[in-house]
Amino acid sequence: MADDPQREHLDLLREIRDTLKLQRALIEEQLARSRASVEESIGLQKTALQRQRQVMLIAVPGIVACLLAIGYLIWRYF
């Protein structure tokens, strides 16, 4: 009789151990996917910033030139 409860406890502890191993493996897999996702996101953000700088280098001088031209026309004809 004493063997049965001990065996049940031992089986239960083994199940718990196996479940914890599985959970640990799943957590490590999820962590790896999260890291890959974060790295991809950082790369996309860097690309976006580079493109934004390129647009600013073209757009700002163009806008300033247009404003100067409008200012000149206003000054000249009014």
PDB file of N, CA and C in Angstrom:
ATOM      1  N   MET A   1       0.802  -1.182   0.000  1.00  0.00           N
ATOM      2  CA  MET A   1       0.000   0.000   0.000  1.00  0.00           C
ATOM      3  C   MET A   1       0.861   1.269   0.000  1.00  0.00           C
ATOM      4  N   ALA A   2       1.954   1.221   0.737  1.00  0.00           N
ATOM      5  CA  ALA A   2       2.813   2.392   0.839  1.00  0.00           C
ATOM      6  C   ALA A   2       3.489   2.682  -0.494  1.00  0.00           C
ATOM      7  N   ASP A   3       3.664   1.674  -1.328  1.00  0.00           N
ATOM      8  CA  ASP A   3       4.302   1.862  -2.633  1.00  0.00           C
ATOM      9  C   ASP A   3       3.429   2.661  -3.595  1.00  0.00           C
ATOM     10  N   ASP A   4       2.137   2.434  -3.574  1.00  0.00           N
ATOM     11  CA  ASP A   4       1.238   3.094  -4.518  1.00  0.00           C
ATOM     12  C   ASP A   4       1.249   4.611  -4.381  1.00  0.00           C
ATOM     13  N   PRO A   5       1.081   5.194  -3.207  1.00  0.00           N
ATOM     14  CA  PRO A   5       1.139   6.665  -3.106  1.00  0.00           C
ATOM     15  C   PRO A   5       2.512   7.220  -3.474  1.00  0.00           C
ATOM     16  N   GLN A   6       3.570   6.501  -3.107  1.00  0.00           N
ATOM     17  CA  GLN A   6       4.910   6.976  -3.472  1.00  0.00           C
ATOM     18  C   GLN A   6       5.089   6.940  -4.980  1.00  0.00           C
ATOM     19  N   ARG A   7       4.598   5.884  -5.598  1.00  0.00           N
ATOM     20  CA  ARG A   7       4.722   5.765  -7.049  1.00  0.00           C
ATOM     21  C   ARG A   7       3.901   6.866  -7.730  1.00  0.00           C
ATOM     22  N   GLU A   8       2.718   7.135  -7.214  1.00  0.00           N
ATOM     23  CA  GLU A   8       1.883   8.199  -7.773  1.00  0.00           C
ATOM     24  C   GLU A   8       2.574   9.547  -7.631  1.00  0.00           C
ATOM     25  N   HIS A   9       3.158   9.790  -6.479  1.00  0.00           N
ATOM     26  CA  HIS A   9       3.883  11.051  -6.268  1.00  0.00           C
ATOM     27  C   HIS A   9       5.081  11.152  -7.208  1.00  0.00           C
ATOM     28  N   LEU A  10       5.779  10.046  -7.362  1.00  0.00           N
ATOM     29  CA  LEU A  10       6.935  10.034  -8.254  1.00  0.00           C
ATOM     30  C   LEU A  10       6.507  10.272  -9.697  1.00  0.00           C
ATOM     31  N   ASP A  11       5.440   9.623 -10.115  1.00  0.00           N
ATOM     32  CA  ASP A  11       4.918   9.834 -11.468  1.00  0.00           C
ATOM     33  C   ASP A  11       4.471  11.285 -11.661  1.00  0.00           C
ATOM     34  N   LEU A  12       3.830  11.821 -10.651  1.00  0.00           N
ATOM     35  CA  LEU A  12       3.383  13.213 -10.722  1.00  0.00           C
ATOM     36  C   LEU A  12       4.567  14.174 -10.808  1.00  0.00           C
ATOM     37  N   LEU A  13       5.593  13.924 -10.039  1.00  0.00           N
ATOM     38  CA  LEU A  13       6.797  14.762 -10.099  1.00  0.00           C
ATOM     39  C   LEU A  13       7.473  14.658 -11.462  1.00  0.00           C
ATOM     40  N   ARG A  14       7.478  13.485 -12.039  1.00  0.00           N
ATOM     41  CA  ARG A  14       8.063  13.311 -13.386  1.00  0.00           C
ATOM     42  C   ARG A  14       7.256  14.086 -14.432  1.00  0.00           C
ATOM     43  N   GLU A  15       5.947  14.030 -14.295  1.00  0.00           N
ATOM     44  CA  GLU A  15       5.093  14.798 -15.216  1.00  0.00           C
ATOM     45  C   GLU A  15       5.375  16.289 -15.087  1.00  0.00           C
ATOM     46  N   ILE A  16       5.488  16.740 -13.851  1.00  0.00           N
ATOM     47  CA  ILE A  16       5.776  18.160 -13.617  1.00  0.00           C
ATOM     48  C   ILE A  16       7.120  18.526 -14.237  1.00  0.00           C
ATOM     49  N   ARG A  17       8.128  17.675 -14.046  1.00  0.00           N
ATOM     50  CA  ARG A  17       9.451  17.927 -14.605  1.00  0.00           C
ATOM     51  C   ARG A  17       9.388  17.995 -16.134  1.00  0.00           C
ATOM     52  N   ASP A  18       8.685  17.041 -16.744  1.00  0.00           N
ATOM     53  CA  ASP A  18       8.570  17.024 -18.201  1.00  0.00           C
ATOM     54  C   ASP A  18       7.826  18.250 -18.722  1.00  0.00           C
ATOM     55  N   THR A  19       6.790  18.644 -18.002  1.00  0.00           N
ATOM     56  CA  THR A  19       6.039  19.837 -18.400  1.00  0.00           C
ATOM     57  C   THR A  19       6.906  21.081 -18.294  1.00  0.00           C
ATOM     58  N   LEU A  20       7.692  21.173 -17.252  1.00  0.00           N
ATOM     59  CA  LEU A  20       8.587  22.325 -17.091  1.00  0.00           C
ATOM     60  C   LEU A  20       9.635  22.363 -18.196  1.00  0.00           C
ATOM     61  N   LYS A  21      10.147  21.204 -18.574  1.00  0.00           N
ATOM     62  CA  LYS A  21      11.115  21.159 -19.681  1.00  0.00           C
ATOM     63  C   LYS A  21      10.475  21.638 -20.974  1.00  0.00           C
ATOM     64  N   LEU A  22       9.258  21.197 -21.218  1.00  0.00           N
ATOM     65  CA  LEU A  22       8.550  21.620 -22.422  1.00  0.00           C
ATOM     66  C   LEU A  22       8.289  23.122 -22.394  1.00  0.00           C
ATOM     67  N   GLN A  23       7.855  23.633 -21.252  1.00  0.00           N
ATOM     68  CA  GLN A  23       7.617  25.068 -21.129  1.00  0.00           C
ATOM     69  C   GLN A  23       8.896  25.858 -21.339  1.00  0.00           C
ATOM     70  N   ARG A  24       9.975  25.387 -20.790  1.00  0.00           N
ATOM     71  CA  ARG A  24      11.262  26.063 -20.959  1.00  0.00           C
ATOM     72  C   ARG A  24      11.653  26.113 -22.432  1.00  0.00           C
ATOM     73  N   ALA A  25      11.449  24.997 -23.136  1.00  0.00           N
ATOM     74  CA  ALA A  25      11.770  24.955 -24.565  1.00  0.00           C
ATOM     75  C   ALA A  25      10.889  25.925 -25.343  1.00  0.00           C
ATOM     76  N   LEU A  26       9.607  25.976 -25.004  1.00  0.00           N
ATOM     77  CA  LEU A  26       8.700  26.900 -25.686  1.00  0.00           C
ATOM     78  C   LEU A  26       9.066  28.348 -25.404  1.00  0.00           C
ATOM     79  N   ILE A  27       9.454  28.636 -24.175  1.00  0.00           N
ATOM     80  CA  ILE A  27       9.846  29.999 -23.812  1.00  0.00           C
ATOM     81  C   ILE A  27      11.111  30.411 -24.567  1.00  0.00           C
ATOM     82  N   GLU A  28      12.070  29.517 -24.668  1.00  0.00           N
ATOM     83  CA  GLU A  28      13.300  29.831 -25.399  1.00  0.00           C
ATOM     84  C   GLU A  28      13.015  30.061 -26.872  1.00  0.00           C
ATOM     85  N   GLU A  29      12.110  29.272 -27.440  1.00  0.00           N
ATOM     86  CA  GLU A  29      11.730  29.456 -28.842  1.00  0.00           C
ATOM     87  C   GLU A  29      11.049  30.804 -29.043  1.00  0.00           C
ATOM     88  N   GLN A  30      10.144  31.148 -28.147  1.00  0.00           N
ATOM     89  CA  GLN A  30       9.461  32.434 -28.234  1.00  0.00           C
ATOM     90  C   GLN A  30      10.440  33.592 -28.066  1.00  0.00           C
ATOM     91  N   LEU A  31      11.392  33.443 -27.168  1.00  0.00           N
ATOM     92  CA  LEU A  31      12.404  34.474 -26.961  1.00  0.00           C
ATOM     93  C   LEU A  31      13.235  34.676 -28.223  1.00  0.00           C
ATOM     94  N   ALA A  32      13.596  33.588 -28.881  1.00  0.00           N
ATOM     95  CA  ALA A  32      14.369  33.688 -30.124  1.00  0.00           C
ATOM     96  C   ALA A  32      13.560  34.412 -31.200  1.00  0.00           C
ATOM     97  N   ARG A  33      12.267  34.083 -31.309  1.00  0.00           N
ATOM     98  CA  ARG A  33      11.423  34.772 -32.297  1.00  0.00           C
ATOM     99  C   ARG A  33      11.277  36.251 -31.957  1.00  0.00           C
ATOM    100  N   SER A  34      11.147  36.559 -30.684  1.00  0.00           N
ATOM    101  CA  SER A  34      11.016  37.960 -30.272  1.00  0.00           C
ATOM    102  C   SER A  34      12.282  38.742 -30.596  1.00  0.00           C
ATOM    103  N   ARG A  35      13.418  38.138 -30.325  1.00  0.00           N
ATOM    104  CA  ARG A  35      14.683  38.823 -30.642  1.00  0.00           C
ATOM    105  C   ARG A  35      14.811  39.079 -32.135  1.00  0.00           C
ATOM    106  N   ALA A  36      14.441  38.082 -32.948  1.00  0.00           N
ATOM    107  CA  ALA A  36      14.509  38.257 -34.400  1.00  0.00           C
ATOM    108  C   ALA A  36      13.563  39.369 -34.844  1.00  0.00           C
ATOM    109  N   SER A  37      12.393  39.416 -34.261  1.00  0.00           N
ATOM    110  CA  SER A  37      11.424  40.447 -34.602  1.00  0.00           C
ATOM    111  C   SER A  37      11.932  41.834 -34.216  1.00  0.00           C
ATOM    112  N   VAL A  38      12.533  41.941 -33.049  1.00  0.00           N
ATOM    113  CA  VAL A  38      13.072  43.230 -32.600  1.00  0.00           C
ATOM    114  C   VAL A  38      14.222  43.667 -33.510  1.00  0.00           C
ATOM    115  N   GLU A  39      15.085  42.750 -33.888  1.00  0.00           N
ATOM    116  CA  GLU A  39      16.199  43.090 -34.781  1.00  0.00           C
ATOM    117  C   GLU A  39      15.680  43.562 -36.137  1.00  0.00           C
ATOM    118  N   GLU A  40      14.651  42.892 -36.650  1.00  0.00           N
ATOM    119  CA  GLU A  40      14.061  43.305 -37.922  1.00  0.00           C
ATOM    120  C   GLU A  40      13.439  44.690 -37.797  1.00  0.00           C
ATOM    121  N   SER A  41      12.761  44.937 -36.694  1.00  0.00           N
ATOM    122  CA  SER A  41      12.136  46.232 -36.462  1.00  0.00           C
ATOM    123  C   SER A  41      13.181  47.340 -36.390  1.00  0.00           C
ATOM    124  N   ILE A  42      14.263  47.086 -35.700  1.00  0.00           N
ATOM    125  CA  ILE A  42      15.338  48.087 -35.601  1.00  0.00           C
ATOM    126  C   ILE A  42      15.925  48.364 -36.977  1.00  0.00           C
ATOM    127  N   GLY A  43      16.112  47.327 -37.758  1.00  0.00           N
ATOM    128  CA  GLY A  43      16.635  47.510 -39.115  1.00  0.00           C
ATOM    129  C   GLY A  43      15.702  48.349 -39.971  1.00  0.00           C
ATOM    130  N   LEU A  44      14.402  48.096 -39.879  1.00  0.00           N
ATOM    131  CA  LEU A  44      13.431  48.880 -40.636  1.00  0.00           C
ATOM    132  C   LEU A  44      13.409  50.329 -40.181  1.00  0.00           C
ATOM    133  N   GLN A  45      13.553  50.551 -38.875  1.00  0.00           N
ATOM    134  CA  GLN A  45      13.580  51.926 -38.368  1.00  0.00           C
ATOM    135  C   GLN A  45      14.815  52.669 -38.873  1.00  0.00           C
ATOM    136  N   LYS A  46      15.948  51.993 -38.912  1.00  0.00           N
ATOM    137  CA  LYS A  46      17.165  52.638 -39.432  1.00  0.00           C
ATOM    138  C   LYS A  46      16.993  52.997 -40.896  1.00  0.00           C
ATOM    139  N   THR A  47      16.390  52.096 -41.666  1.00  0.00           N
ATOM    140  CA  THR A  47      16.141  52.363 -43.085  1.00  0.00           C
ATOM    141  C   THR A  47      15.198  53.561 -43.241  1.00  0.00           C
ATOM    142  N   ALA A  48      14.163  53.616 -42.421  1.00  0.00           N
ATOM    143  CA  ALA A  48      13.212  54.725 -42.488  1.00  0.00           C
ATOM    144  C   ALA A  48      13.895  56.058 -42.162  1.00  0.00           C
ATOM    145  N   LEU A  49      14.767  56.049 -41.168  1.00  0.00           N
ATOM    146  CA  LEU A  49      15.482  57.286 -40.824  1.00  0.00           C
ATOM    147  C   LEU A  49      16.406  57.739 -41.950  1.00  0.00           C
ATOM    148  N   GLN A  50      17.065  56.796 -42.601  1.00  0.00           N
ATOM    149  CA  GLN A  50      17.932  57.147 -43.728  1.00  0.00           C
ATOM    150  C   GLN A  50      17.122  57.770 -44.861  1.00  0.00           C
ATOM    151  N   ARG A  51      15.973  57.180 -45.147  1.00  0.00           N
ATOM    152  CA  ARG A  51      15.117  57.727 -46.214  1.00  0.00           C
ATOM    153  C   ARG A  51      14.584  59.098 -45.830  1.00  0.00           C
ATOM    154  N   GLN A  52      14.249  59.264 -44.568  1.00  0.00           N
ATOM    155  CA  GLN A  52      13.747  60.557 -44.111  1.00  0.00           C
ATOM    156  C   GLN A  52      14.824  61.629 -44.279  1.00  0.00           C
ATOM    157  N   ARG A  53      16.054  61.306 -43.960  1.00  0.00           N
ATOM    158  CA  ARG A  53      17.162  62.266 -44.139  1.00  0.00           C
ATOM    159  C   ARG A  53      17.326  62.642 -45.603  1.00  0.00           C
ATOM    160  N   GLN A  54      17.235  61.641 -46.487  1.00  0.00           N
ATOM    161  CA  GLN A  54      17.370  61.908 -47.911  1.00  0.00           C
ATOM    162  C   GLN A  54      16.265  62.838 -48.402  1.00  0.00           C
ATOM    163  N   VAL A  55      15.038  62.600 -47.956  1.00  0.00           N
ATOM    164  CA  VAL A  55      13.914  63.453 -48.354  1.00  0.00           C
ATOM    165  C   VAL A  55      14.115  64.864 -47.818  1.00  0.00           C
ATOM    166  N   MET A  56      14.575  64.958 -46.574  1.00  0.00           N
ATOM    167  CA  MET A  56      14.798  66.285 -45.981  1.00  0.00           C
ATOM    168  C   MET A  56      15.868  67.059 -46.752  1.00  0.00           C
ATOM    169  N   LEU A  57      16.895  66.377 -47.209  1.00  0.00           N
ATOM    170  CA  LEU A  57      17.954  67.058 -47.957  1.00  0.00           C
ATOM    171  C   LEU A  57      17.441  67.607 -49.288  1.00  0.00           C
ATOM    172  N   ILE A  58      16.413  66.996 -49.829  1.00  0.00           N
ATOM    173  CA  ILE A  58      15.851  67.464 -51.096  1.00  0.00           C
ATOM    174  C   ILE A  58      14.695  68.425 -50.855  1.00  0.00           C
ATOM    175  N   ALA A  59      13.806  68.086 -49.922  1.00  0.00           N
ATOM    176  CA  ALA A  59      12.569  68.850 -49.729  1.00  0.00           C
ATOM    177  C   ALA A  59      12.812  70.218 -49.091  1.00  0.00           C
ATOM    178  N   VAL A  60      13.626  70.284 -48.078  1.00  0.00           N
ATOM    179  CA  VAL A  60      13.816  71.555 -47.359  1.00  0.00           C
ATOM    180  C   VAL A  60      14.399  72.628 -48.279  1.00  0.00           C
ATOM    181  N   PRO A  61      15.462  72.356 -49.021  1.00  0.00           N
ATOM    182  CA  PRO A  61      15.939  73.405 -49.931  1.00  0.00           C
ATOM    183  C   PRO A  61      14.899  73.793 -50.988  1.00  0.00           C
ATOM    184  N   GLY A  62      14.123  72.829 -51.463  1.00  0.00           N
ATOM    185  CA  GLY A  62      13.069  73.141 -52.435  1.00  0.00           C
ATOM    186  C   GLY A  62      12.001  74.033 -51.843  1.00  0.00           C
ATOM    187  N   ILE A  63      11.586  73.753 -50.625  1.00  0.00           N
ATOM    188  CA  ILE A  63      10.573  74.578 -49.961  1.00  0.00           C
ATOM    189  C   ILE A  63      11.111  75.981 -49.704  1.00  0.00           C
ATOM    190  N   VAL A  64      12.341  76.063 -49.250  1.00  0.00           N
ATOM    191  CA  VAL A  64      12.957  77.376 -49.007  1.00  0.00           C
ATOM    192  C   VAL A  64      13.041  78.164 -50.311  1.00  0.00           C
ATOM    193  N   ALA A  65      13.426  77.515 -51.390  1.00  0.00           N
ATOM    194  CA  ALA A  65      13.516  78.199 -52.689  1.00  0.00           C
ATOM    195  C   ALA A  65      12.138  78.708 -53.124  1.00  0.00           C
ATOM    196  N   CYS A  66      11.100  77.899 -52.935  1.00  0.00           N
ATOM    197  CA  CYS A  66       9.744  78.332 -53.297  1.00  0.00           C
ATOM    198  C   CYS A  66       9.302  79.520 -52.449  1.00  0.00           C
ATOM    199  N   LEU A  67       9.573  79.468 -51.155  1.00  0.00           N
ATOM    200  CA  LEU A  67       9.202  80.581 -50.275  1.00  0.00           C
ATOM    201  C   LEU A  67       9.940  81.860 -50.663  1.00  0.00           C
ATOM    202  N   LEU A  68      11.221  81.715 -50.990  1.00  0.00           N
ATOM    203  CA  LEU A  68      11.989  82.893 -51.429  1.00  0.00           C
ATOM    204  C   LEU A  68      11.426  83.456 -52.734  1.00  0.00           C
ATOM    205  N   ALA A  69      11.052  82.565 -53.662  1.00  0.00           N
ATOM    206  CA  ALA A  69      10.484  83.023 -54.933  1.00  0.00           C
ATOM    207  C   ALA A  69       9.151  83.728 -54.697  1.00  0.00           C
ATOM    208  N   ILE A  70       8.314  83.187 -53.839  1.00  0.00           N
ATOM    209  CA  ILE A  70       7.025  83.827 -53.526  1.00  0.00           C
ATOM    210  C   ILE A  70       7.269  85.172 -52.849  1.00  0.00           C
ATOM    211  N   GLY A  71       8.212  85.204 -51.911  1.00  0.00           N
ATOM    212  CA  GLY A  71       8.551  86.462 -51.249  1.00  0.00           C
ATOM    213  C   GLY A  71       9.053  87.495 -52.239  1.00  0.00           C
ATOM    214  N   TYR A  72       9.881  87.082 -53.172  1.00  0.00           N
ATOM    215  CA  TYR A  72      10.386  88.002 -54.200  1.00  0.00           C
ATOM    216  C   TYR A  72       9.242  88.545 -55.047  1.00  0.00           C
ATOM    217  N   LEU A  73       8.331  87.632 -55.459  1.00  0.00           N
ATOM    218  CA  LEU A  73       7.210  88.078 -56.293  1.00  0.00           C
ATOM    219  C   LEU A  73       6.301  89.035 -55.535  1.00  0.00           C
ATOM    220  N   ILE A  74       6.060  88.765 -54.270  1.00  0.00           N
ATOM    221  CA  ILE A  74       5.244  89.662 -53.467  1.00  0.00           C
ATOM    222  C   ILE A  74       5.928  91.021 -53.318  1.00  0.00           C
ATOM    223  N   TRP A  75       7.190  91.024 -53.032  1.00  0.00           N
ATOM    224  CA  TRP A  75       7.945  92.274 -52.865  1.00  0.00           C
ATOM    225  C   TRP A  75       7.997  93.060 -54.180  1.00  0.00           C
ATOM    226  N   ARG A  76       8.178  92.356 -55.266  1.00  0.00           N
ATOM    227  CA  ARG A  76       8.343  92.998 -56.579  1.00  0.00           C
ATOM    228  C   ARG A  76       7.062  93.622 -57.090  1.00  0.00           C
ATOM    229  N   TYR A  77       5.922  92.938 -56.901  1.00  0.00           N
ATOM    230  CA  TYR A  77       4.681  93.395 -57.524  1.00  0.00           C
ATOM    231  C   TYR A  77       3.710  94.067 -56.556  1.00  0.00           C
ATOM    232  N   PHE A  78       4.033  94.162 -55.285  1.00  0.00           N
ATOM    233  CA  PHE A  78       3.105  94.833 -54.364  1.00  0.00           C
ATOM    234  C   PHE A  78       3.771  95.923 -53.653  1.00  0.00           C
TER     235      PHE A  78
END
